[in-house]
Amino acid sequence: MKHVVSVSLGSSARNASSEAVIMGEEFKIERIGADGDEKRFAELIARYDGNIDAFGLGGTDRYICTGTRRYTLRDGDRLARLAKKTPVADGSGVKNTLERRTVEYLQKEGVVDFSGSKVLMVCAVDRFGMAQALNKVAGEIIFGDLMFILGVPMPLKSYKTLTKIADLLIPVVRLLPTSVLYPTGKSQNESKPKFVKYYDWADIVCGDFLLIRKTLPPDLSGKTIVTNTVTSADKDVLRERGLKRLVTTTPEYNGRRYGTNVFEAVMLTLMGKTQEEASPEDYMNLLEKMNWTPAVTEF
């Protein structure tokens, strides 16, 4: 049996374990949160290193991109390098391919009409494939990177502006601790409405679910969210707030949709490659063989 473990800086309350047959291979898939404790994170890596097929790097990114530039986040890279034997996936390969294809598929099949909608993308630089696809088709779009990551109430209304500002700020921002940039530990369980006027403006909200959940407004009536890493409890919250439609990009295993890092670890195991060896074409070809499509839930 293949074994994939996502070790996350996030909350252990979101832990999960599943078994599934994927492309004829039996898999055990686990997500283990270290509750923001880097010592605990390192202990988990040491326990599994060399004994499993692939790690997922959760609760942080190793790489973020703008246009054709890729930046390495210091904290994420340091944590990934704790694994000496087992390949590590941070999810960026899946974000560049599967999430790009998600937008294209939804528009082409008429499931979601981005072209006639107002779209809020909470953070583009960590999901550059989706951002680039949305930039091509969205009627109106706001990129919320400055708001949702740095807390600066400044919406970015064009991809060109986003890339210019990102290329100026990321060389400095990439040196900041993960806890400054992203919800880790118990903060993943906290939620307080913020930037509500931009949620109210949008017909469609896209991006990382933990960033969305952290700032979720009380009323989501008539809206669509395109995201992943959604638990059954998260679905209940969204239903209670009136969400119309939920689109999740990664597959469900035993009732749980894991993060992109987990699915990337699965895909790399099936390919027999490391993240550095796998090309966008490798991901796309495997998605075709898997007959992958995003999941759509109408509330």
Protein backbone atom coordinates (compact mmCIF):
# COMPACT_ATOMS: atom_id res chain seq x y z
CA MET A 1 0.00 0.00 0.00
CA LYS A 2 1.22 3.48 -0.89
CA HIS A 3 1.38 5.89 2.03
CA VAL A 4 1.14 9.68 1.84
CA VAL A 5 1.30 11.92 4.92
CA SER A 6 0.63 15.65 5.01
CA VAL A 7 2.46 17.20 7.95
CA SER A 8 0.89 20.59 8.58
CA LEU A 9 1.59 23.63 10.73
CA GLY A 10 -2.17 23.84 11.00
CA SER A 11 -4.62 22.73 13.65
CA SER A 12 -4.79 19.07 14.71
CA ALA A 13 -8.58 19.55 14.89
CA ARG A 14 -8.55 19.20 11.09
CA ASN A 15 -6.68 15.87 11.13
CA ALA A 16 -7.96 13.09 8.90
CA SER A 17 -7.05 9.65 7.59
CA SER A 18 -8.42 7.86 4.53
CA GLU A 19 -7.83 4.79 2.43
CA ALA A 20 -8.57 4.76 -1.29
CA VAL A 21 -7.79 2.95 -4.51
CA ILE A 22 -6.38 5.46 -7.00
CA MET A 23 -5.41 4.43 -10.52
CA GLY A 24 -5.38 0.80 -9.35
CA GLU A 25 -3.05 1.54 -6.41
CA GLU A 26 -4.09 1.26 -2.77
CA PHE A 27 -3.31 4.41 -0.80
CA LYS A 28 -3.34 5.39 2.85
CA ILE A 29 -3.64 9.17 3.10
CA GLU A 30 -3.14 11.10 6.34
CA ARG A 31 -3.17 14.73 7.41
CA ILE A 32 -1.50 15.48 10.75
CA GLY A 33 -1.50 19.00 12.21
CA ALA A 34 1.32 20.21 14.45
CA ASP A 35 -0.77 23.07 15.93
CA GLY A 36 1.79 25.66 14.87
CA ASP A 37 4.56 23.91 16.85
CA GLU A 38 7.66 23.63 14.67
CA LYS A 39 9.31 21.17 17.09
CA ARG A 40 6.29 18.88 16.75
CA PHE A 41 6.39 19.40 12.98
CA ALA A 42 10.07 18.31 12.88
CA GLU A 43 9.32 15.25 15.04
CA LEU A 44 6.58 14.14 12.64
CA ILE A 45 8.85 14.55 9.63
CA ALA A 46 11.59 12.53 11.36
CA ARG A 47 9.10 9.77 12.26
CA TYR A 48 7.90 9.23 8.71
CA ASP A 49 10.96 10.21 6.63
CA GLY A 50 12.07 7.24 4.56
CA ASN A 51 9.05 5.17 5.63
CA ILE A 52 6.37 6.63 3.35
CA ASP A 53 6.07 7.43 -0.35
CA ALA A 54 5.58 11.21 -0.17
CA PHE A 55 5.03 14.07 2.23
CA GLY A 56 2.57 16.89 1.79
CA LEU A 57 3.78 20.22 3.17
CA GLY A 58 0.74 21.71 4.89
CA GLY A 59 0.00 25.04 6.51
CA THR A 60 2.64 26.86 4.49
CA ASP A 61 3.90 27.27 0.94
CA ARG A 62 7.36 26.50 -0.33
CA TYR A 63 6.93 28.32 -3.64
CA ILE A 64 4.74 31.19 -4.81
CA CYS A 65 4.61 32.67 -8.28
CA THR A 66 3.80 35.83 -10.21
CA GLY A 67 3.63 35.55 -13.96
CA THR A 68 6.76 33.65 -14.98
CA ARG A 69 8.67 34.26 -11.71
CA ARG A 70 8.84 31.71 -8.91
CA TYR A 71 9.86 32.72 -5.40
CA THR A 72 10.94 30.46 -2.54
CA LEU A 73 9.47 31.21 0.89
CA ARG A 74 12.21 30.90 3.49
CA ASP A 75 10.12 29.23 6.21
CA GLY A 76 8.41 26.78 3.87
CA ASP A 77 11.69 25.79 2.23
CA ARG A 78 13.37 25.28 5.61
CA LEU A 79 10.55 23.00 6.78
CA ALA A 80 10.52 21.03 3.51
CA ARG A 81 14.26 20.41 3.83
CA LEU A 82 13.72 18.60 7.12
CA ALA A 83 12.78 15.57 5.00
CA LYS A 84 16.03 13.95 3.88
CA LYS A 85 14.74 10.81 2.15
CA THR A 86 11.07 11.18 1.22
CA PRO A 87 9.87 13.55 -1.57
CA VAL A 88 7.92 16.62 -0.44
CA ALA A 89 5.00 18.26 -2.27
CA ASP A 90 3.80 21.76 -1.37
CA GLY A 91 0.88 21.74 -3.82
CA SER A 92 2.23 24.36 -6.24
CA GLY A 93 2.31 21.91 -9.16
CA VAL A 94 -1.37 21.11 -8.67
CA LYS A 95 -2.25 24.78 -8.25
CA ASN A 96 -0.62 25.53 -11.60
CA THR A 97 -2.50 22.78 -13.42
CA LEU A 98 -5.61 21.36 -11.74
CA GLU A 99 -6.82 24.73 -10.45
CA ARG A 100 -6.18 26.40 -13.79
CA ARG A 101 -8.18 23.65 -15.45
CA THR A 102 -10.96 24.02 -12.86
CA VAL A 103 -11.75 27.54 -14.05
CA GLU A 104 -11.56 26.53 -17.71
CA TYR A 105 -13.82 23.52 -17.14
CA LEU A 106 -16.47 25.41 -15.16
CA GLN A 107 -16.68 28.18 -17.78
CA LYS A 108 -16.68 25.83 -20.78
CA GLU A 109 -19.34 23.51 -19.31
CA GLY A 110 -21.55 26.40 -18.24
CA VAL A 111 -21.45 25.39 -14.58
CA VAL A 112 -20.16 28.79 -13.45
CA ASP A 113 -20.27 31.91 -15.62
CA PHE A 114 -17.16 33.82 -14.63
CA SER A 115 -17.46 36.10 -17.65
CA GLY A 116 -20.71 37.58 -16.40
CA SER A 117 -19.69 37.75 -12.76
CA LYS A 118 -17.78 39.77 -10.19
CA VAL A 119 -14.97 37.62 -8.79
CA LEU A 120 -13.04 38.04 -5.55
CA MET A 121 -9.82 36.00 -5.39
CA VAL A 122 -8.55 36.15 -1.83
CA CYS A 123 -4.90 35.47 -2.72
CA ALA A 124 -3.47 35.04 -6.22
CA VAL A 125 0.25 34.51 -5.65
CA ASP A 126 -0.28 31.17 -3.90
CA ARG A 127 -2.72 29.96 -6.60
CA PHE A 128 -1.24 31.47 -9.72
CA GLY A 129 -2.79 28.94 -12.12
CA MET A 130 -6.29 29.81 -10.98
CA ALA A 131 -5.47 33.53 -10.94
CA GLN A 132 -4.20 33.52 -14.52
CA ALA A 133 -7.23 31.55 -15.72
CA LEU A 134 -9.64 33.89 -13.90
CA ASN A 135 -7.88 36.91 -15.34
CA LYS A 136 -8.74 35.66 -18.83
CA VAL A 137 -12.44 35.03 -18.26
CA ALA A 138 -13.78 37.03 -15.29
CA GLY A 139 -16.14 39.92 -16.02
CA GLU A 140 -14.72 41.92 -13.11
CA ILE A 141 -12.08 40.77 -10.65
CA ILE A 142 -10.49 41.85 -7.39
CA PHE A 143 -7.28 40.24 -6.17
CA GLY A 144 -7.19 40.40 -2.38
CA ASP A 145 -3.52 39.59 -1.73
CA LEU A 146 -2.74 42.82 0.13
CA MET A 147 -5.93 42.53 2.18
CA PHE A 148 -6.04 38.85 3.09
CA ILE A 149 -2.29 38.31 3.55
CA LEU A 150 -0.92 41.65 4.78
CA GLY A 151 -4.10 43.20 6.18
CA VAL A 152 -3.81 46.26 3.93
CA PRO A 153 -7.33 47.31 2.79
CA MET A 154 -6.31 47.83 -0.83
CA PRO A 155 -8.07 45.78 -3.54
CA LEU A 156 -6.09 45.09 -6.71
CA LYS A 157 -8.27 45.30 -9.80
CA SER A 158 -5.93 44.02 -12.49
CA TYR A 159 -3.51 41.13 -12.84
CA LYS A 160 -0.90 43.53 -14.22
CA THR A 161 -1.05 45.64 -11.05
CA LEU A 162 -0.96 42.49 -8.92
CA THR A 163 2.23 41.20 -10.55
CA LYS A 164 3.98 44.57 -10.31
CA ILE A 165 3.24 44.94 -6.60
CA ALA A 166 4.01 41.29 -5.91
CA ASP A 167 7.40 41.49 -7.61
CA LEU A 168 8.20 44.50 -5.42
CA LEU A 169 7.00 43.01 -2.13
CA ILE A 170 7.66 39.27 -2.33
CA PRO A 171 11.48 39.49 -2.05
CA VAL A 172 10.85 40.91 1.44
CA VAL A 173 7.60 39.12 2.32
CA ARG A 174 9.10 35.70 1.55
CA LEU A 175 11.45 36.16 4.54
CA LEU A 176 8.57 36.61 7.04
CA PRO A 177 7.49 33.81 9.39
CA THR A 178 4.67 31.62 8.08
CA SER A 179 2.46 32.58 11.04
CA VAL A 180 2.46 36.20 9.81
CA LEU A 181 1.30 35.22 6.32
CA TYR A 182 -1.13 32.35 6.85
CA PRO A 183 -3.40 30.88 9.56
CA THR A 184 -1.49 28.24 11.53
CA GLY A 185 -2.24 26.25 14.67
CA LYS A 186 -5.43 27.17 16.53
CA SER A 187 -5.90 30.29 14.40
CA GLN A 188 -7.18 27.96 11.66
CA ASN A 189 -10.27 27.42 13.82
CA GLU A 190 -10.96 31.13 14.29
CA SER A 191 -13.29 33.18 12.11
CA LYS A 192 -14.16 36.88 12.21
CA PRO A 193 -15.88 38.84 9.42
CA LYS A 194 -13.49 41.13 7.59
CA PHE A 195 -13.47 42.91 4.23
CA VAL A 196 -17.21 42.26 4.16
CA LYS A 197 -17.92 44.91 1.50
CA TYR A 198 -15.73 43.00 -0.96
CA TYR A 199 -17.50 39.72 -0.18
CA ASP A 200 -20.81 41.55 -0.65
CA TRP A 201 -19.59 42.93 -3.99
CA ALA A 202 -18.59 39.53 -5.32
CA ASP A 203 -20.75 36.92 -7.00
CA ILE A 204 -17.93 34.35 -6.84
CA VAL A 205 -15.20 33.94 -4.21
CA CYS A 206 -12.11 31.92 -5.12
CA GLY A 207 -8.98 30.72 -3.37
CA ASP A 208 -7.61 29.09 -0.24
CA PHE A 209 -10.42 28.04 2.07
CA LEU A 210 -8.61 28.79 5.34
CA LEU A 211 -8.13 32.40 4.21
CA ILE A 212 -11.81 32.56 3.29
CA ARG A 213 -12.94 30.88 6.51
CA LYS A 214 -10.84 33.24 8.65
CA THR A 215 -12.75 36.28 7.31
CA LEU A 216 -16.11 34.71 6.41
CA PRO A 217 -19.03 37.19 6.41
CA PRO A 218 -22.38 36.28 7.99
CA ASP A 219 -24.29 36.36 4.69
CA LEU A 220 -23.24 34.41 1.58
CA SER A 221 -26.66 34.37 -0.07
CA GLY A 222 -26.58 33.55 -3.77
CA LYS A 223 -22.78 33.28 -3.95
CA THR A 224 -20.43 30.62 -5.31
CA ILE A 225 -17.15 29.63 -3.64
CA VAL A 226 -14.41 27.83 -5.59
CA THR A 227 -11.90 26.31 -3.18
CA ASN A 228 -10.70 23.06 -1.55
CA THR A 229 -9.79 21.56 1.87
CA VAL A 230 -13.42 21.72 2.99
CA THR A 231 -14.61 19.51 5.86
CA SER A 232 -18.20 18.46 6.54
CA ALA A 233 -18.32 21.01 9.38
CA ASP A 234 -17.16 23.72 6.95
CA LYS A 235 -19.97 22.76 4.59
CA ASP A 236 -22.49 23.16 7.41
CA VAL A 237 -21.21 26.69 8.11
CA LEU A 238 -21.44 27.65 4.44
CA ARG A 239 -24.95 26.22 4.14
CA GLU A 240 -26.10 28.12 7.23
CA ARG A 241 -24.80 31.39 5.73
CA GLY A 242 -26.79 30.91 2.56
CA LEU A 243 -24.11 29.84 0.08
CA LYS A 244 -25.63 28.89 -3.26
CA ARG A 245 -22.86 26.72 -4.70
CA LEU A 246 -19.56 25.19 -3.56
CA VAL A 247 -16.95 24.01 -6.06
CA THR A 248 -14.09 21.94 -4.68
CA THR A 249 -11.05 21.23 -6.81
CA THR A 250 -9.36 18.22 -5.18
CA PRO A 251 -10.87 14.71 -5.03
CA GLU A 252 -12.76 13.38 -2.02
CA TYR A 253 -11.43 10.35 -0.17
CA ASN A 254 -13.72 8.80 2.45
CA GLY A 255 -15.69 12.01 2.83
CA ARG A 256 -12.71 14.36 3.14
CA ARG A 257 -11.25 16.75 0.59
CA TYR A 258 -7.59 17.27 1.35
CA GLY A 259 -5.35 20.19 0.40
CA THR A 260 -3.46 20.55 -2.85
CA ASN A 261 -0.26 19.41 -1.12
CA VAL A 262 -1.89 16.05 -0.36
CA PHE A 263 -3.23 15.50 -3.86
CA GLU A 264 0.12 16.52 -5.32
CA ALA A 265 1.85 13.97 -3.07
CA VAL A 266 -0.54 11.32 -4.40
CA MET A 267 0.11 12.35 -8.01
CA LEU A 268 3.89 12.37 -7.57
CA THR A 269 3.71 8.89 -6.02
CA LEU A 270 1.76 7.64 -9.05
CA MET A 271 4.27 9.32 -11.41
CA GLY A 272 7.29 8.04 -9.50
CA LYS A 273 8.75 11.55 -9.61
CA THR A 274 9.75 14.34 -7.25
CA GLN A 275 8.17 17.78 -7.41
CA GLU A 276 11.29 19.12 -9.10
CA GLU A 277 11.13 16.40 -11.78
CA ALA A 278 7.43 16.68 -12.62
CA SER A 279 6.39 19.00 -15.46
CA PRO A 280 3.01 20.70 -15.98
CA GLU A 281 2.43 18.21 -18.81
CA ASP A 282 2.96 15.32 -16.37
CA TYR A 283 0.24 16.67 -14.09
CA MET A 284 -2.15 17.37 -16.97
CA ASN A 285 -1.65 13.90 -18.48
CA LEU A 286 -2.32 12.21 -15.16
CA LEU A 287 -5.44 14.29 -14.56
CA GLU A 288 -6.73 13.11 -17.94
CA LYS A 289 -6.09 9.47 -17.02
CA MET A 290 -7.88 9.99 -13.69
CA ASN A 291 -10.95 11.44 -15.47
CA TRP A 292 -10.77 14.26 -12.95
CA THR A 293 -13.47 16.93 -12.75
CA PRO A 294 -14.18 19.43 -9.96
CA ALA A 295 -16.99 18.59 -7.55
CA VAL A 296 -20.03 20.90 -7.51
CA THR A 297 -22.38 21.05 -4.52
CA GLU A 298 -25.61 23.02 -4.85
CA PHE A 299 -27.02 24.05 -1.48
